[in-house]
Protein backbone atom coordinates (compact mmCIF):
# COMPACT_ATOMS: atom_id res chain seq x y z
CA UNK A 1 -8.71 5.03 19.72
CA UNK A 2 -9.40 2.33 17.13
CA UNK A 3 -6.80 2.78 14.39
CA UNK A 4 -9.21 1.17 11.95
CA UNK A 5 -11.19 4.40 12.08
CA UNK A 6 -8.21 6.22 10.58
CA UNK A 7 -8.08 3.65 7.79
CA UNK A 8 -11.73 4.40 7.01
CA UNK A 9 -11.06 8.14 7.12
CA UNK A 10 -8.10 7.79 4.78
CA UNK A 11 -10.05 5.90 2.12
CA UNK A 12 -13.18 8.05 2.31
CA UNK A 13 -11.08 11.21 2.06
CA UNK A 14 -9.15 9.79 -0.88
CA UNK A 15 -12.11 8.65 -2.97
CA UNK A 16 -14.75 11.01 -1.50
CA UNK A 17 -17.34 8.26 -1.62
CA UNK A 18 -18.70 5.93 1.07
CA UNK A 19 -19.59 3.36 -1.59
CA UNK A 20 -16.13 3.24 -3.20
CA UNK A 21 -14.42 3.26 0.22
CA UNK A 22 -16.58 0.33 1.34
CA UNK A 23 -15.55 -1.64 -1.76
CA UNK A 24 -11.86 -0.91 -1.14
CA UNK A 25 -12.11 -1.96 2.47
CA UNK A 26 -14.34 -4.99 1.82
CA UNK A 27 -16.88 -3.56 4.26
CA UNK A 28 -20.57 -2.84 3.99
CA UNK A 29 -21.70 0.74 3.44
CA UNK A 30 -23.49 0.82 6.84
CA UNK A 31 -20.21 -0.25 8.51
CA UNK A 32 -18.33 2.61 6.83
CA UNK A 33 -21.11 5.06 7.73
CA UNK A 34 -20.97 3.87 11.35
CA UNK A 35 -17.19 4.43 11.41
CA UNK A 36 -17.65 7.94 10.03
CA UNK A 37 -20.14 8.74 12.77
CA UNK A 38 -17.62 7.64 15.38
CA UNK A 39 -14.97 9.81 13.74
CA UNK A 40 -17.31 12.82 13.76
CA UNK A 41 -17.88 12.34 17.48
CA UNK A 42 -14.16 11.88 18.12
CA UNK A 43 -13.13 15.04 16.26
CA UNK A 44 -16.32 16.98 17.00
CA UNK A 45 -16.60 17.88 13.34
CA UNK A 46 -18.77 16.71 10.41
CA UNK A 47 -15.56 15.90 8.46
CA UNK A 48 -17.44 15.14 5.24
CA UNK A 49 -20.40 16.99 3.68
CA UNK A 50 -22.45 16.03 0.67
CA UNK A 51 -21.61 17.89 -2.51
CA UNK A 52 -22.44 17.46 -6.16
CA UNK A 53 -20.50 14.45 -7.36
CA UNK A 54 -19.55 13.07 -3.95
CA UNK A 55 -18.39 14.03 -0.48
CA UNK A 56 -16.54 17.22 0.29
CA UNK A 57 -14.00 17.56 3.09
CA UNK A 58 -14.45 20.11 5.84
CA UNK A 59 -11.50 22.28 6.83
CA UNK A 60 -10.83 19.99 9.80
CA UNK A 61 -10.85 16.92 7.52
CA UNK A 62 -8.40 18.59 5.14
CA UNK A 63 -6.10 19.30 8.11
CA UNK A 64 -6.24 15.62 9.06
CA UNK A 65 -5.44 14.09 5.65
CA UNK A 66 -1.63 14.31 5.80
CA UNK A 67 -1.23 13.48 9.53
CA UNK A 68 -3.49 10.43 9.17
CA UNK A 69 -1.55 9.24 6.12
CA UNK A 70 1.66 9.65 8.13
CA UNK A 71 0.27 7.64 11.04
CA UNK A 72 -0.85 4.80 8.77
CA UNK A 73 2.50 4.76 6.94
CA UNK A 74 4.32 4.59 10.28
CA UNK A 75 2.13 1.71 11.49
CA UNK A 76 2.71 -0.15 8.22
CA UNK A 77 6.45 0.36 8.57
CA UNK A 78 6.43 -0.97 12.14
CA UNK A 79 4.41 -4.04 11.23
CA UNK A 80 6.20 -4.82 7.97
CA UNK A 81 8.50 -7.86 8.12
CA UNK A 82 12.15 -6.92 8.53
CA UNK A 83 14.54 -8.02 5.84
CA UNK A 84 18.30 -8.18 5.55
CA UNK A 85 20.31 -8.42 2.37
CA UNK A 86 23.97 -9.20 3.08
CA UNK A 87 24.95 -8.42 -0.50
CA UNK A 88 23.95 -4.75 -0.16
CA UNK A 89 24.19 -3.97 3.55
CA UNK A 90 26.72 -1.43 4.78
CA UNK A 91 26.21 -2.35 8.40
CA UNK A 92 29.14 -2.50 10.80
CA UNK A 93 29.25 -5.65 12.90
CA UNK A 94 31.27 -5.78 16.13
CA UNK A 95 32.28 -9.21 17.43
CA UNK A 96 34.14 -9.95 20.64
CA UNK A 97 37.05 -12.31 20.02
CA UNK A 98 40.31 -13.30 21.69
CA UNK A 99 43.65 -13.79 20.00
CA UNK A 100 42.77 -17.48 19.82
CA UNK A 101 40.11 -16.62 17.23
CA UNK A 102 42.54 -14.44 15.30
CA UNK A 103 45.12 -17.24 15.21
CA UNK A 104 42.84 -20.16 14.40
CA UNK A 105 39.44 -19.20 13.01
CA UNK A 106 39.60 -15.66 11.67
CA UNK A 107 41.06 -16.28 8.18
CA UNK A 108 38.25 -18.55 6.91
CA UNK A 109 35.56 -16.60 8.82
CA UNK A 110 36.68 -13.22 7.49
CA UNK A 111 36.91 -14.55 3.94
CA UNK A 112 33.38 -15.97 4.06
CA UNK A 113 31.89 -12.86 5.66
CA UNK A 114 33.37 -10.48 3.12
CA UNK A 115 32.39 -12.72 0.23
CA UNK A 116 28.76 -12.75 1.40
CA UNK A 117 28.62 -9.09 2.53
CA UNK A 118 31.22 -7.17 0.48
CA UNK A 119 30.02 -3.71 1.59
CA UNK A 120 29.74 -4.49 5.31
CA UNK A 121 32.51 -4.08 7.87
CA UNK A 122 33.42 -6.58 10.59
CA UNK A 123 35.33 -5.57 13.71
CA UNK A 124 36.78 -8.41 15.79
CA UNK A 125 37.65 -6.77 19.09
CA UNK A 126 39.59 -7.98 22.15
CA UNK A 127 37.61 -9.41 25.04
CA UNK A 128 37.92 -9.07 28.79
CA UNK A 129 35.60 -9.32 31.80
CA UNK A 130 33.67 -6.23 30.69
CA UNK A 131 32.72 -7.70 27.32
CA UNK A 132 29.32 -8.84 28.57
CA UNK A 133 28.46 -5.33 29.68
CA UNK A 134 29.08 -4.23 26.09
CA UNK A 135 27.06 -7.17 24.81
CA UNK A 136 24.14 -6.27 27.10
CA UNK A 137 24.21 -2.69 25.78
CA UNK A 138 24.01 -3.90 22.20
CA UNK A 139 27.55 -2.79 21.39
CA UNK A 140 28.53 -6.30 20.23
CA UNK A 141 26.55 -8.62 18.00
CA UNK A 142 28.14 -11.73 19.50
CA UNK A 143 31.16 -12.84 21.51
CA UNK A 144 33.48 -15.81 21.11
CA UNK A 145 34.25 -17.12 24.60
CA UNK A 146 36.64 -19.79 25.88
CA UNK A 147 35.91 -20.13 29.58
CA UNK A 148 32.86 -20.54 31.82
CA UNK A 149 29.98 -18.81 30.00
CA UNK A 150 27.84 -16.19 31.73
CA UNK A 151 24.43 -16.90 33.22
CA UNK A 152 21.09 -15.59 31.99
CA UNK A 153 19.98 -13.60 30.13
CA UNK A 154 22.71 -14.40 27.62
CA UNK A 155 22.20 -17.05 24.96
CA UNK A 156 25.07 -19.55 24.79
CA UNK A 157 25.83 -22.13 22.13
CA UNK A 158 28.78 -24.51 22.28
CA UNK A 159 30.91 -24.47 19.14
CA UNK A 160 33.44 -27.23 19.82
CA UNK A 161 35.74 -28.90 22.33
CA UNK A 162 39.40 -29.71 21.98
CA UNK A 163 42.26 -30.90 24.22
CA UNK A 164 45.08 -28.81 25.58
CA UNK A 165 48.54 -29.81 24.38
CA UNK A 166 52.09 -28.86 25.24
CA UNK A 167 54.62 -27.48 22.78
CA UNK A 168 58.39 -27.01 22.81
CA UNK A 169 60.88 -25.71 20.28
CA UNK A 170 62.88 -28.09 18.12
CA UNK A 171 66.04 -27.42 20.17
CA UNK A 172 64.41 -27.72 23.57
CA UNK A 173 65.90 -30.41 25.87
CA UNK A 174 62.52 -32.17 25.78
CA UNK A 175 62.30 -32.13 21.98
CA UNK A 176 63.18 -35.81 21.53
CA UNK A 177 60.74 -36.94 24.21
CA UNK A 178 58.07 -34.69 22.76
CA UNK A 179 58.55 -36.28 19.34
CA UNK A 180 58.30 -39.78 20.80
CA UNK A 181 55.38 -38.92 23.05
CA UNK A 182 57.20 -39.81 26.25
CA UNK A 183 57.08 -36.50 28.16
CA UNK A 184 56.20 -37.35 31.77
CA UNK A 185 54.76 -35.15 34.50
CA UNK A 186 58.16 -34.60 36.14
CA UNK A 187 59.62 -33.66 32.76
CA UNK A 188 56.77 -31.20 32.21
CA UNK A 189 57.30 -29.57 35.61
CA UNK A 190 61.10 -29.48 35.39
CA UNK A 191 61.26 -26.68 32.83
CA UNK A 192 59.95 -23.11 32.92
CA UNK A 193 56.65 -22.34 31.27
CA UNK A 194 55.22 -19.63 29.08
CA UNK A 195 51.67 -18.89 30.22
CA UNK A 196 49.27 -17.05 27.96
CA UNK A 197 46.48 -15.18 29.70
CA UNK A 198 44.02 -13.94 27.11
CA UNK A 199 42.44 -11.86 29.87
CA UNK A 200 43.46 -11.40 33.47
CA UNK A 201 39.96 -12.38 34.58
CA UNK A 202 40.25 -15.83 32.98
CA UNK A 203 42.05 -18.29 35.26
CA UNK A 204 44.32 -20.91 33.71
CA UNK A 205 42.65 -24.33 33.72
CA UNK A 206 46.12 -25.90 33.51
CA UNK A 207 47.22 -24.23 36.74
CA UNK A 208 43.94 -25.13 38.41
CA UNK A 209 44.33 -28.76 37.39
CA UNK A 210 47.91 -28.92 38.67
CA UNK A 211 46.89 -27.24 41.92
CA UNK A 212 44.21 -29.89 42.39
CA UNK A 213 47.00 -32.49 42.01
CA UNK A 214 49.12 -30.69 44.59
CA UNK A 215 51.62 -29.65 41.97
CA UNK A 216 52.65 -26.34 40.47
CA UNK A 217 54.51 -25.31 37.33
CA UNK A 218 57.10 -22.54 37.24
CA UNK A 219 55.87 -19.72 35.04
CA UNK A 220 58.86 -17.82 33.67
CA UNK A 221 56.99 -15.78 31.06
CA UNK A 222 53.45 -14.51 31.05
CA UNK A 223 51.88 -12.66 28.13
CA UNK A 224 48.44 -11.58 27.04
CA UNK A 225 49.04 -13.21 23.66
CA UNK A 226 51.35 -15.67 21.98
CA UNK A 227 51.64 -14.09 18.55
CA UNK A 228 53.73 -15.96 16.03
CA UNK A 229 57.09 -15.70 17.78
CA UNK A 230 57.56 -19.39 18.56
CA UNK A 231 61.33 -18.77 18.68
CA UNK A 232 60.82 -18.06 22.37
CA UNK A 233 60.22 -21.76 22.88
CA UNK A 234 63.81 -22.45 21.83
CA UNK A 235 65.58 -19.32 23.02
CA UNK A 236 64.22 -19.47 26.56
CA UNK A 237 63.68 -23.22 26.69
CA UNK A 238 60.05 -22.70 27.56
CA UNK A 239 57.03 -25.01 27.44
CA UNK A 240 53.85 -23.54 26.02
CA UNK A 241 50.46 -25.13 26.77
CA UNK A 242 47.50 -24.10 24.66
CA UNK A 243 44.41 -25.56 22.97
CA UNK A 244 45.47 -27.94 20.21
CA UNK A 245 43.94 -25.91 17.36
CA UNK A 246 46.52 -23.17 17.93
CA UNK A 247 49.21 -25.46 16.60
CA UNK A 248 47.20 -26.85 13.71
CA UNK A 249 49.23 -26.50 10.54
CA UNK A 250 52.34 -25.25 12.34
CA UNK A 251 55.72 -26.27 10.99
CA UNK A 252 56.63 -29.28 13.12
CA UNK A 253 60.33 -28.67 12.40
CA UNK A 254 60.09 -25.54 14.56
CA UNK A 255 57.45 -26.53 17.10
CA UNK A 256 56.92 -29.99 18.54
CA UNK A 257 53.51 -30.66 20.02
CA UNK A 258 52.93 -33.37 22.63
CA UNK A 259 50.07 -34.70 24.72
CA UNK A 260 49.99 -33.47 28.30
CA UNK A 261 51.20 -36.03 30.85
CA UNK A 262 48.10 -35.50 33.00
CA UNK A 263 44.35 -35.32 32.47
CA UNK A 264 43.13 -31.77 31.97
CA UNK A 265 39.74 -30.28 31.10
CA UNK A 266 38.96 -29.83 27.45
CA UNK A 267 38.97 -26.36 26.02
CA UNK A 268 35.32 -25.52 25.30
CA UNK A 269 34.57 -22.65 22.95
CA UNK A 270 31.26 -20.83 22.82
CA UNK A 271 29.42 -18.21 20.83
CA UNK A 272 27.35 -15.91 23.05
CA UNK A 273 24.81 -13.22 22.27
CA UNK A 274 22.09 -11.21 24.02
CA UNK A 275 18.38 -12.08 23.62
CA UNK A 276 17.67 -8.58 22.31
CA UNK A 277 19.37 -9.52 19.03
CA UNK A 278 17.74 -12.94 18.82
CA UNK A 279 15.34 -12.04 16.01
CA UNK A 280 17.28 -9.23 14.33
CA UNK A 281 17.76 -10.35 10.69
CA UNK A 282 21.31 -8.97 10.46
CA UNK A 283 22.38 -10.59 13.72
CA UNK A 284 20.72 -13.86 12.76
CA UNK A 285 22.63 -13.85 9.47
CA UNK A 286 25.94 -13.07 11.19
CA UNK A 287 25.56 -15.81 13.80
CA UNK A 288 24.62 -18.39 11.18
CA UNK A 289 27.72 -17.44 9.17
CA UNK A 290 30.02 -17.65 12.18
CA UNK A 291 28.66 -21.01 13.30
CA UNK A 292 28.74 -22.44 9.77
CA UNK A 293 32.35 -21.42 9.15
CA UNK A 294 33.48 -22.79 12.52
CA UNK A 295 31.76 -26.10 11.76
CA UNK A 296 33.66 -26.29 8.46
CA UNK A 297 36.92 -26.08 10.38
CA UNK A 298 36.13 -28.93 12.76
C-alpha cells in the first residue's frame, strides 16, 4: 500500500474538502480525487459523501481516522532525526575497562563525563575474554582494550602507544642501578617478579619477548591487579613491569622506574565498539568524549 494515500485520507478527513486538502498537500484537485478513488477501492467503501458545506465521513471513514493518524505519527517518529542532549539525559552507559584505565585515565574521563552529562550514569566494568560477546549484544557502549584487538565486525581505533618500564621499591637491591639507568638484563632476571594479569586470557608480552630471546623471568607473585600497594616492591624485593603511564606522577621516593634492558613491544591501547552503535547519537557522544579526554592526557 502507498502510505501517501493515508496522508491524503488524513487531510481530507480533517478539513472535509478536496480543495483545501489539495492546497495543504500542494497537489492538484484531480490528484487528490484520484487518490480518494484508490482509497475507496482499497477499503471497499465510499469513505466520503457530499453534504451541505463539504464532505461527510462514512462510518468506515470515521473508524479509520484515529488508526490512520496513529500510523502517520509512528512513521514520522521513525523518520525523524534522532537527537541526544547530554545535559538532560538519564541514560546509563556501560564501558568495558581494565584496572589500567582506573589507575591512569579514569579520573579525568569521569570528571569530564559527569560535567557534560550530570544526570547520566557511567559504569566502568572489568573486562575479560567474554567482553566482546557483551559488546556484540549491545550490553556495552565501548571497550578499552590493551592487547590484540578482535577482528570484524568490531570497529577499532588506536588511542595511543607507550613503552613498558620496570619499577622497584626505593629499598630494593637494584634501586641505585634503577636510578642511574644501568639495570642490565642479568640484573633484571636475577630478582623475582610481580606479574599483573589483567585477564587470564591476555598473555604477557614481556614473557613472550623473553621467551623469544630464550630467557625466562621468575614470577614470584601474580595478581589480577596492582592496586596502590607499591610497598610490595620493597617488602618482597620484587620487580614490577607495566606500561609507563601507570607510574606517571608516582612518588619517585617510593618507586623507582627504569627502562627495560631489552627491546619489548609497545603497549598499544584501543577503543572498540560494535557497528550497531556507530550512528547512535548517545554512543557517538560518549566515544567522542572518551577519545577527546584520552588525547588530552597524551
